[in-house]
Amino acid sequence: MKNEKISPQEQQRNEAYNEYVKQVTPTHNLWANMFKAFLLGGFICTVGQFIVNIAMNNFGLEQKDASTWCSLILILISIILTSLNLYPSLANWGGAGALVPITGFANGVCASAIEFKKEGQVFGIGCQIFRIAGPVILYGIFSSWVLGLGYWVLKMMNIV
């Protein structure tokens, strides 16, 4: 490009635009975001441990059964909060803390189902429900396969 001179009006317009961008660009405090994620994720995990303890102590379930009930109850809570449009607010506040695997996954599936229910049971919910969760499932299975293959090779070589 040639060296083009910028007129004073263009320079003033560019400066005004840059100032506007600074005003509307959200600022993020890394430490505050990490603290909020820690609080929300810790709260979800504490609720999960509370459910496990109640199931084991009050209902006499073994650890495995209590953990299964905990997973089911956390999924149900996540779906209810997503349906009431409360989970997105929690996720917005707590960031990665809301992505505690089971609740975040349930939110992703439920949010897709809610979003596409107006398109019908088959082409809406049936086709779109795994729009967000599908890549997670795909790459989870693929990475498990790659790691399993690596483990098998190391086992065949008597390294592991």
N, C-alpha and C. Protein backbone atom coordinates (compact mmCIF):
# COMPACT_ATOMS: atom_id res chain seq x y z
N MET A 1 0.83 -1.18 0.00
CA MET A 1 0.00 0.00 0.00
C MET A 1 0.87 1.24 0.00
N LYS A 2 0.34 2.26 -0.55
CA LYS A 2 1.04 3.54 -0.55
C LYS A 2 0.89 4.19 0.81
N ASN A 3 1.80 5.08 1.08
CA ASN A 3 1.68 5.88 2.30
C ASN A 3 0.62 6.94 2.05
N GLU A 4 -0.55 6.69 2.57
CA GLU A 4 -1.63 7.64 2.40
C GLU A 4 -1.73 8.48 3.66
N LYS A 5 -1.92 9.75 3.47
CA LYS A 5 -2.09 10.63 4.61
C LYS A 5 -3.53 10.55 5.09
N ILE A 6 -3.65 10.52 6.40
CA ILE A 6 -4.98 10.48 7.00
C ILE A 6 -5.40 11.90 7.31
N SER A 7 -6.57 12.23 6.88
CA SER A 7 -7.06 13.58 7.13
C SER A 7 -7.36 13.74 8.62
N PRO A 8 -7.36 14.96 9.11
CA PRO A 8 -7.66 15.19 10.53
C PRO A 8 -9.04 14.66 10.92
N GLN A 9 -10.01 14.73 9.99
CA GLN A 9 -11.35 14.23 10.31
C GLN A 9 -11.32 12.70 10.48
N GLU A 10 -10.58 12.01 9.60
CA GLU A 10 -10.46 10.55 9.71
C GLU A 10 -9.72 10.15 10.98
N GLN A 11 -8.68 10.90 11.31
CA GLN A 11 -7.93 10.61 12.53
C GLN A 11 -8.81 10.82 13.76
N GLN A 12 -9.58 11.88 13.77
CA GLN A 12 -10.48 12.14 14.89
C GLN A 12 -11.56 11.05 14.98
N ARG A 13 -12.08 10.61 13.81
CA ARG A 13 -13.07 9.54 13.79
C ARG A 13 -12.47 8.24 14.32
N ASN A 14 -11.23 7.92 13.92
CA ASN A 14 -10.57 6.71 14.39
C ASN A 14 -10.33 6.75 15.90
N GLU A 15 -9.94 7.89 16.41
CA GLU A 15 -9.72 8.03 17.85
C GLU A 15 -11.03 7.89 18.61
N ALA A 16 -12.10 8.48 18.08
CA ALA A 16 -13.41 8.35 18.72
C ALA A 16 -13.87 6.90 18.71
N TYR A 17 -13.64 6.21 17.60
CA TYR A 17 -14.02 4.80 17.51
C TYR A 17 -13.22 3.95 18.50
N ASN A 18 -11.91 4.20 18.59
CA ASN A 18 -11.08 3.45 19.54
C ASN A 18 -11.53 3.70 20.98
N GLU A 19 -11.92 4.91 21.29
CA GLU A 19 -12.42 5.22 22.63
C GLU A 19 -13.74 4.49 22.89
N TYR A 20 -14.60 4.44 21.88
CA TYR A 20 -15.87 3.71 22.01
C TYR A 20 -15.62 2.23 22.25
N VAL A 21 -14.68 1.66 21.51
CA VAL A 21 -14.36 0.24 21.68
C VAL A 21 -13.86 -0.03 23.10
N LYS A 22 -13.04 0.85 23.64
CA LYS A 22 -12.56 0.69 25.02
C LYS A 22 -13.71 0.72 26.02
N GLN A 23 -14.70 1.56 25.76
CA GLN A 23 -15.84 1.68 26.68
C GLN A 23 -16.75 0.45 26.66
N VAL A 24 -16.97 -0.13 25.49
CA VAL A 24 -17.92 -1.24 25.39
C VAL A 24 -17.26 -2.61 25.56
N THR A 25 -15.94 -2.68 25.49
CA THR A 25 -15.26 -3.96 25.67
C THR A 25 -15.27 -4.31 27.16
N PRO A 26 -15.82 -5.48 27.49
CA PRO A 26 -15.85 -5.85 28.91
C PRO A 26 -14.45 -6.14 29.43
N THR A 27 -14.23 -5.73 30.65
CA THR A 27 -12.95 -6.02 31.29
C THR A 27 -13.13 -7.23 32.18
N HIS A 28 -12.13 -8.05 32.25
CA HIS A 28 -12.20 -9.27 33.03
C HIS A 28 -11.09 -9.27 34.08
N ASN A 29 -11.47 -9.64 35.26
CA ASN A 29 -10.51 -9.78 36.34
C ASN A 29 -10.26 -11.28 36.50
N LEU A 30 -9.09 -11.73 36.09
CA LEU A 30 -8.77 -13.16 36.10
C LEU A 30 -8.94 -13.77 37.48
N TRP A 31 -8.43 -13.10 38.50
CA TRP A 31 -8.48 -13.66 39.86
C TRP A 31 -9.92 -13.73 40.37
N ALA A 32 -10.72 -12.73 40.07
CA ALA A 32 -12.12 -12.76 40.48
C ALA A 32 -12.87 -13.87 39.75
N ASN A 33 -12.60 -14.03 38.45
CA ASN A 33 -13.25 -15.10 37.69
C ASN A 33 -12.86 -16.48 38.21
N MET A 34 -11.58 -16.65 38.54
CA MET A 34 -11.14 -17.94 39.08
C MET A 34 -11.77 -18.19 40.44
N PHE A 35 -11.89 -17.16 41.25
CA PHE A 35 -12.49 -17.33 42.57
C PHE A 35 -13.97 -17.70 42.45
N LYS A 36 -14.69 -17.03 41.54
CA LYS A 36 -16.11 -17.35 41.35
C LYS A 36 -16.28 -18.76 40.80
N ALA A 37 -15.40 -19.17 39.88
CA ALA A 37 -15.47 -20.54 39.36
C ALA A 37 -15.18 -21.55 40.47
N PHE A 38 -14.23 -21.23 41.32
CA PHE A 38 -13.91 -22.09 42.47
C PHE A 38 -15.11 -22.20 43.40
N LEU A 39 -15.76 -21.08 43.68
CA LEU A 39 -16.92 -21.10 44.58
C LEU A 39 -18.07 -21.92 44.00
N LEU A 40 -18.42 -21.66 42.73
CA LEU A 40 -19.55 -22.37 42.14
C LEU A 40 -19.25 -23.85 41.96
N GLY A 41 -18.08 -24.17 41.42
CA GLY A 41 -17.70 -25.57 41.26
C GLY A 41 -17.61 -26.29 42.59
N GLY A 42 -17.05 -25.61 43.59
CA GLY A 42 -16.98 -26.19 44.93
C GLY A 42 -18.35 -26.39 45.54
N PHE A 43 -19.26 -25.45 45.28
CA PHE A 43 -20.62 -25.59 45.79
C PHE A 43 -21.32 -26.80 45.17
N ILE A 44 -21.17 -26.95 43.85
CA ILE A 44 -21.79 -28.10 43.17
C ILE A 44 -21.21 -29.41 43.71
N CYS A 45 -19.91 -29.46 43.88
CA CYS A 45 -19.28 -30.68 44.40
C CYS A 45 -19.68 -30.93 45.85
N THR A 46 -19.85 -29.87 46.62
CA THR A 46 -20.29 -30.03 48.01
C THR A 46 -21.71 -30.57 48.05
N VAL A 47 -22.57 -30.07 47.18
CA VAL A 47 -23.94 -30.60 47.10
C VAL A 47 -23.89 -32.08 46.74
N GLY A 48 -23.03 -32.44 45.80
CA GLY A 48 -22.88 -33.84 45.41
C GLY A 48 -22.42 -34.71 46.56
N GLN A 49 -21.44 -34.23 47.31
CA GLN A 49 -20.96 -35.01 48.46
C GLN A 49 -22.04 -35.11 49.54
N PHE A 50 -22.81 -34.06 49.72
CA PHE A 50 -23.93 -34.08 50.67
C PHE A 50 -24.95 -35.14 50.26
N ILE A 51 -25.24 -35.22 48.97
CA ILE A 51 -26.19 -36.23 48.48
C ILE A 51 -25.65 -37.63 48.74
N VAL A 52 -24.37 -37.83 48.47
CA VAL A 52 -23.76 -39.15 48.71
C VAL A 52 -23.82 -39.51 50.19
N ASN A 53 -23.48 -38.55 51.05
CA ASN A 53 -23.50 -38.82 52.49
C ASN A 53 -24.91 -39.15 52.98
N ILE A 54 -25.90 -38.40 52.52
CA ILE A 54 -27.29 -38.67 52.90
C ILE A 54 -27.71 -40.06 52.43
N ALA A 55 -27.37 -40.38 51.19
CA ALA A 55 -27.76 -41.68 50.63
C ALA A 55 -27.11 -42.84 51.39
N MET A 56 -25.87 -42.64 51.80
CA MET A 56 -25.18 -43.73 52.51
C MET A 56 -25.63 -43.82 53.97
N ASN A 57 -25.74 -42.70 54.65
CA ASN A 57 -26.04 -42.71 56.08
C ASN A 57 -27.53 -42.87 56.39
N ASN A 58 -28.38 -42.21 55.63
CA ASN A 58 -29.82 -42.24 55.93
C ASN A 58 -30.57 -43.33 55.20
N PHE A 59 -30.06 -43.73 54.02
CA PHE A 59 -30.77 -44.73 53.24
C PHE A 59 -30.02 -46.05 53.16
N GLY A 60 -28.85 -46.14 53.77
CA GLY A 60 -28.09 -47.38 53.84
C GLY A 60 -27.54 -47.88 52.51
N LEU A 61 -27.34 -46.98 51.55
CA LEU A 61 -26.80 -47.40 50.26
C LEU A 61 -25.28 -47.56 50.34
N GLU A 62 -24.75 -48.44 49.50
CA GLU A 62 -23.31 -48.58 49.40
C GLU A 62 -22.76 -47.40 48.59
N GLN A 63 -21.44 -47.22 48.63
CA GLN A 63 -20.78 -46.10 47.96
C GLN A 63 -21.15 -46.02 46.47
N LYS A 64 -21.10 -47.15 45.79
CA LYS A 64 -21.39 -47.16 44.35
C LYS A 64 -22.83 -46.74 44.07
N ASP A 65 -23.78 -47.26 44.82
CA ASP A 65 -25.18 -46.91 44.62
C ASP A 65 -25.45 -45.45 45.00
N ALA A 66 -24.84 -45.00 46.09
CA ALA A 66 -25.01 -43.61 46.51
C ALA A 66 -24.45 -42.65 45.45
N SER A 67 -23.32 -43.01 44.85
CA SER A 67 -22.72 -42.18 43.80
C SER A 67 -23.60 -42.13 42.56
N THR A 68 -24.23 -43.27 42.24
CA THR A 68 -25.15 -43.29 41.10
C THR A 68 -26.34 -42.37 41.34
N TRP A 69 -26.92 -42.44 42.53
CA TRP A 69 -28.04 -41.55 42.87
C TRP A 69 -27.60 -40.10 42.87
N CYS A 70 -26.39 -39.84 43.33
CA CYS A 70 -25.87 -38.47 43.32
C CYS A 70 -25.81 -37.94 41.89
N SER A 71 -25.29 -38.75 40.97
CA SER A 71 -25.20 -38.33 39.57
C SER A 71 -26.59 -38.04 39.00
N LEU A 72 -27.53 -38.92 39.28
CA LEU A 72 -28.89 -38.74 38.77
C LEU A 72 -29.54 -37.47 39.33
N ILE A 73 -29.35 -37.23 40.61
CA ILE A 73 -29.96 -36.04 41.24
C ILE A 73 -29.30 -34.76 40.72
N LEU A 74 -27.98 -34.76 40.54
CA LEU A 74 -27.30 -33.58 40.00
C LEU A 74 -27.75 -33.30 38.57
N ILE A 75 -27.94 -34.35 37.78
CA ILE A 75 -28.45 -34.17 36.41
C ILE A 75 -29.85 -33.57 36.45
N LEU A 76 -30.70 -34.11 37.33
CA LEU A 76 -32.06 -33.59 37.45
C LEU A 76 -32.06 -32.12 37.87
N ILE A 77 -31.25 -31.77 38.85
CA ILE A 77 -31.16 -30.37 39.30
C ILE A 77 -30.70 -29.47 38.16
N SER A 78 -29.70 -29.92 37.41
CA SER A 78 -29.19 -29.14 36.28
C SER A 78 -30.26 -28.94 35.21
N ILE A 79 -31.02 -29.99 34.93
CA ILE A 79 -32.08 -29.89 33.91
C ILE A 79 -33.18 -28.94 34.38
N ILE A 80 -33.54 -29.03 35.65
CA ILE A 80 -34.58 -28.13 36.18
C ILE A 80 -34.11 -26.68 36.12
N LEU A 81 -32.87 -26.43 36.54
CA LEU A 81 -32.33 -25.06 36.51
C LEU A 81 -32.21 -24.54 35.08
N THR A 82 -31.85 -25.42 34.13
CA THR A 82 -31.78 -25.01 32.72
C THR A 82 -33.17 -24.69 32.20
N SER A 83 -34.15 -25.53 32.55
CA SER A 83 -35.52 -25.31 32.08
C SER A 83 -36.11 -24.02 32.62
N LEU A 84 -35.71 -23.64 33.83
CA LEU A 84 -36.19 -22.39 34.43
C LEU A 84 -35.33 -21.20 34.02
N ASN A 85 -34.38 -21.44 33.13
CA ASN A 85 -33.46 -20.41 32.64
C ASN A 85 -32.59 -19.82 33.76
N LEU A 86 -32.29 -20.62 34.76
CA LEU A 86 -31.42 -20.17 35.86
C LEU A 86 -29.98 -20.64 35.68
N TYR A 87 -29.79 -21.81 35.07
CA TYR A 87 -28.42 -22.34 34.91
C TYR A 87 -27.54 -21.43 34.07
N PRO A 88 -28.06 -20.85 32.97
CA PRO A 88 -27.20 -19.92 32.20
C PRO A 88 -26.71 -18.74 33.04
N SER A 89 -27.54 -18.25 33.96
CA SER A 89 -27.11 -17.16 34.83
C SER A 89 -26.00 -17.62 35.77
N LEU A 90 -26.16 -18.83 36.30
CA LEU A 90 -25.10 -19.39 37.14
C LEU A 90 -23.81 -19.57 36.35
N ALA A 91 -23.93 -20.09 35.13
CA ALA A 91 -22.75 -20.29 34.30
C ALA A 91 -22.10 -18.97 33.92
N ASN A 92 -22.91 -17.95 33.70
CA ASN A 92 -22.37 -16.63 33.38
C ASN A 92 -21.60 -16.07 34.56
N TRP A 93 -22.12 -16.28 35.77
CA TRP A 93 -21.45 -15.78 36.97
C TRP A 93 -20.23 -16.63 37.31
N GLY A 94 -20.39 -17.95 37.32
CA GLY A 94 -19.33 -18.84 37.80
C GLY A 94 -18.41 -19.37 36.73
N GLY A 95 -18.68 -19.08 35.47
CA GLY A 95 -17.80 -19.50 34.39
C GLY A 95 -17.55 -21.00 34.38
N ALA A 96 -16.28 -21.36 34.40
CA ALA A 96 -15.88 -22.76 34.31
C ALA A 96 -16.36 -23.58 35.50
N GLY A 97 -16.69 -22.93 36.60
CA GLY A 97 -17.21 -23.66 37.75
C GLY A 97 -18.53 -24.33 37.47
N ALA A 98 -19.27 -23.81 36.51
CA ALA A 98 -20.55 -24.42 36.13
C ALA A 98 -20.35 -25.60 35.20
N LEU A 99 -19.13 -25.80 34.76
CA LEU A 99 -18.86 -26.89 33.83
C LEU A 99 -18.40 -28.15 34.54
N VAL A 100 -18.71 -28.24 35.84
CA VAL A 100 -18.45 -29.50 36.53
C VAL A 100 -19.08 -30.57 35.66
N PRO A 101 -18.32 -31.57 35.25
CA PRO A 101 -18.73 -32.39 34.11
C PRO A 101 -20.19 -32.81 34.04
N ILE A 102 -20.75 -33.35 35.07
CA ILE A 102 -22.09 -33.93 34.91
C ILE A 102 -23.17 -32.85 34.79
N THR A 103 -23.05 -31.76 35.54
CA THR A 103 -24.06 -30.71 35.46
C THR A 103 -23.91 -29.89 34.18
N GLY A 104 -22.69 -29.63 33.77
CA GLY A 104 -22.46 -28.89 32.53
C GLY A 104 -22.91 -29.66 31.31
N PHE A 105 -22.68 -30.96 31.31
CA PHE A 105 -23.10 -31.80 30.20
C PHE A 105 -24.62 -31.87 30.14
N ALA A 106 -25.26 -32.04 31.29
CA ALA A 106 -26.73 -32.08 31.33
C ALA A 106 -27.31 -30.75 30.85
N ASN A 107 -26.69 -29.65 31.24
CA ASN A 107 -27.14 -28.33 30.79
C ASN A 107 -27.02 -28.21 29.27
N GLY A 108 -25.91 -28.69 28.70
CA GLY A 108 -25.72 -28.60 27.25
C GLY A 108 -26.77 -29.38 26.48
N VAL A 109 -27.08 -30.57 26.94
CA VAL A 109 -28.08 -31.40 26.26
C VAL A 109 -29.48 -30.78 26.43
N CYS A 110 -29.81 -30.38 27.65
CA CYS A 110 -31.14 -29.82 27.92
C CYS A 110 -31.35 -28.50 27.18
N ALA A 111 -30.33 -27.65 27.15
CA ALA A 111 -30.46 -26.37 26.46
C ALA A 111 -30.73 -26.56 24.98
N SER A 112 -30.06 -27.54 24.36
CA SER A 112 -30.31 -27.82 22.94
C SER A 112 -31.72 -28.33 22.73
N ALA A 113 -32.19 -29.20 23.62
CA ALA A 113 -33.55 -29.73 23.49
C ALA A 113 -34.58 -28.61 23.61
N ILE A 114 -34.37 -27.71 24.56
CA ILE A 114 -35.31 -26.60 24.75
C ILE A 114 -35.29 -25.66 23.55
N GLU A 115 -34.10 -25.39 23.05
CA GLU A 115 -33.97 -24.45 21.94
C GLU A 115 -34.66 -24.95 20.67
N PHE A 116 -34.58 -26.25 20.41
CA PHE A 116 -35.09 -26.78 19.15
C PHE A 116 -36.44 -27.49 19.28
N LYS A 117 -37.10 -27.41 20.44
CA LYS A 117 -38.38 -28.12 20.59
C LYS A 117 -39.46 -27.56 19.69
N LYS A 118 -39.37 -26.30 19.30
CA LYS A 118 -40.38 -25.70 18.42
C LYS A 118 -40.34 -26.30 17.02
N GLU A 119 -39.25 -26.98 16.66
CA GLU A 119 -39.13 -27.58 15.34
C GLU A 119 -39.69 -29.00 15.31
N GLY A 120 -40.19 -29.48 16.45
CA GLY A 120 -40.82 -30.79 16.49
C GLY A 120 -39.97 -31.82 17.23
N GLN A 121 -40.62 -32.95 17.49
CA GLN A 121 -39.95 -34.01 18.25
C GLN A 121 -38.81 -34.65 17.47
N VAL A 122 -39.01 -34.92 16.19
CA VAL A 122 -38.00 -35.64 15.42
C VAL A 122 -36.93 -34.70 14.89
N PHE A 123 -37.34 -33.72 14.08
CA PHE A 123 -36.36 -32.84 13.44
C PHE A 123 -35.85 -31.75 14.37
N GLY A 124 -36.55 -31.47 15.41
CA GLY A 124 -36.09 -30.49 16.38
C GLY A 124 -35.26 -31.14 17.46
N ILE A 125 -35.96 -31.74 18.42
CA ILE A 125 -35.28 -32.33 19.57
C ILE A 125 -34.41 -33.52 19.15
N GLY A 126 -34.98 -34.45 18.37
CA GLY A 126 -34.25 -35.66 18.01
C GLY A 126 -32.96 -35.40 17.25
N CYS A 127 -33.00 -34.46 16.32
CA CYS A 127 -31.82 -34.19 15.48
C CYS A 127 -30.84 -33.22 16.13
N GLN A 128 -31.31 -32.36 17.00
CA GLN A 128 -30.46 -31.28 17.49
C GLN A 128 -30.03 -31.42 18.95
N ILE A 129 -30.51 -32.42 19.66
CA ILE A 129 -30.27 -32.49 21.09
C ILE A 129 -28.78 -32.61 21.44
N PHE A 130 -28.01 -33.24 20.58
CA PHE A 130 -26.59 -33.40 20.88
C PHE A 130 -25.73 -32.39 20.12
N ARG A 131 -26.33 -31.28 19.74
CA ARG A 131 -25.58 -30.25 19.01
C ARG A 131 -24.37 -29.77 19.81
N ILE A 132 -24.55 -29.52 21.09
CA ILE A 132 -23.45 -29.06 21.94
C ILE A 132 -22.67 -30.23 22.50
N ALA A 133 -23.38 -31.27 22.95
CA ALA A 133 -22.73 -32.39 23.62
C ALA A 133 -22.10 -33.37 22.64
N GLY A 134 -22.53 -33.38 21.38
CA GLY A 134 -22.01 -34.32 20.40
C GLY A 134 -20.51 -34.28 20.24
N PRO A 135 -19.91 -33.10 20.04
CA PRO A 135 -18.45 -33.06 19.92
C PRO A 135 -17.73 -33.55 21.17
N VAL A 136 -18.32 -33.31 22.32
CA VAL A 136 -17.71 -33.78 23.57
C VAL A 136 -17.69 -35.31 23.57
N ILE A 137 -18.81 -35.91 23.19
CA ILE A 137 -18.89 -37.36 23.14
C ILE A 137 -17.90 -37.90 22.10
N LEU A 138 -17.91 -37.31 20.91
CA LEU A 138 -17.04 -37.77 19.83
C LEU A 138 -15.57 -37.73 20.23
N TYR A 139 -15.11 -36.60 20.71
CA TYR A 139 -13.69 -36.48 21.05
C TYR A 139 -13.34 -37.25 22.31
N GLY A 140 -14.31 -37.43 23.20
CA GLY A 140 -14.06 -38.27 24.37
C GLY A 140 -13.84 -39.71 23.97
N ILE A 141 -14.67 -40.22 23.09
CA ILE A 141 -14.51 -41.60 22.61
C ILE A 141 -13.22 -41.74 21.81
N PHE A 142 -12.95 -40.78 20.92
CA PHE A 142 -11.74 -40.85 20.11
C PHE A 142 -10.47 -40.80 20.96
N SER A 143 -10.42 -39.88 21.92
CA SER A 143 -9.22 -39.80 22.76
C SER A 143 -9.07 -41.04 23.63
N SER A 144 -10.18 -41.63 24.08
CA SER A 144 -10.11 -42.88 24.83
C SER A 144 -9.55 -44.00 23.96
N TRP A 145 -9.96 -44.03 22.70
CA TRP A 145 -9.46 -45.04 21.78
C TRP A 145 -7.96 -44.87 21.55
N VAL A 146 -7.51 -43.64 21.33
CA VAL A 146 -6.08 -43.38 21.11
C VAL A 146 -5.26 -43.76 22.35
N LEU A 147 -5.75 -43.37 23.52
CA LEU A 147 -5.03 -43.72 24.74
C LEU A 147 -5.03 -45.22 24.98
N GLY A 148 -6.15 -45.89 24.69
CA GLY A 148 -6.21 -47.34 24.82
C GLY A 148 -5.25 -48.03 23.88
N LEU A 149 -5.16 -47.53 22.64
CA LEU A 149 -4.22 -48.09 21.68
C LEU A 149 -2.78 -47.91 22.16
N GLY A 150 -2.48 -46.73 22.68
CA GLY A 150 -1.15 -46.48 23.22
C GLY A 150 -0.83 -47.40 24.39
N TYR A 151 -1.81 -47.60 25.25
CA TYR A 151 -1.61 -48.50 26.39
C TYR A 151 -1.38 -49.93 25.91
N TRP A 152 -2.16 -50.35 24.91
CA TRP A 152 -2.02 -51.70 24.37
C TRP A 152 -0.63 -51.91 23.78
N VAL A 153 -0.12 -50.90 23.02
CA VAL A 153 1.21 -51.00 22.43
C VAL A 153 2.26 -51.09 23.53
N LEU A 154 2.16 -50.26 24.55
CA LEU A 154 3.12 -50.31 25.66
C LEU A 154 3.05 -51.64 26.40
N LYS A 155 1.85 -52.18 26.54
CA LYS A 155 1.67 -53.47 27.20
C LYS A 155 2.30 -54.60 26.37
N MET A 156 2.14 -54.53 25.05
CA MET A 156 2.75 -55.54 24.17
C MET A 156 4.26 -55.47 24.23
N MET A 157 4.82 -54.30 24.47
CA MET A 157 6.27 -54.13 24.54
C MET A 157 6.79 -54.36 25.95
N ASN A 158 5.91 -54.81 26.86
CA ASN A 158 6.26 -55.06 28.27
C ASN A 158 6.83 -53.84 28.96
N ILE A 159 6.37 -52.66 28.59
CA ILE A 159 6.80 -51.43 29.24
C ILE A 159 5.89 -51.13 30.42
N VAL A 160 4.62 -51.46 30.27
CA VAL A 160 3.64 -51.21 31.33
C VAL A 160 3.26 -52.51 31.99
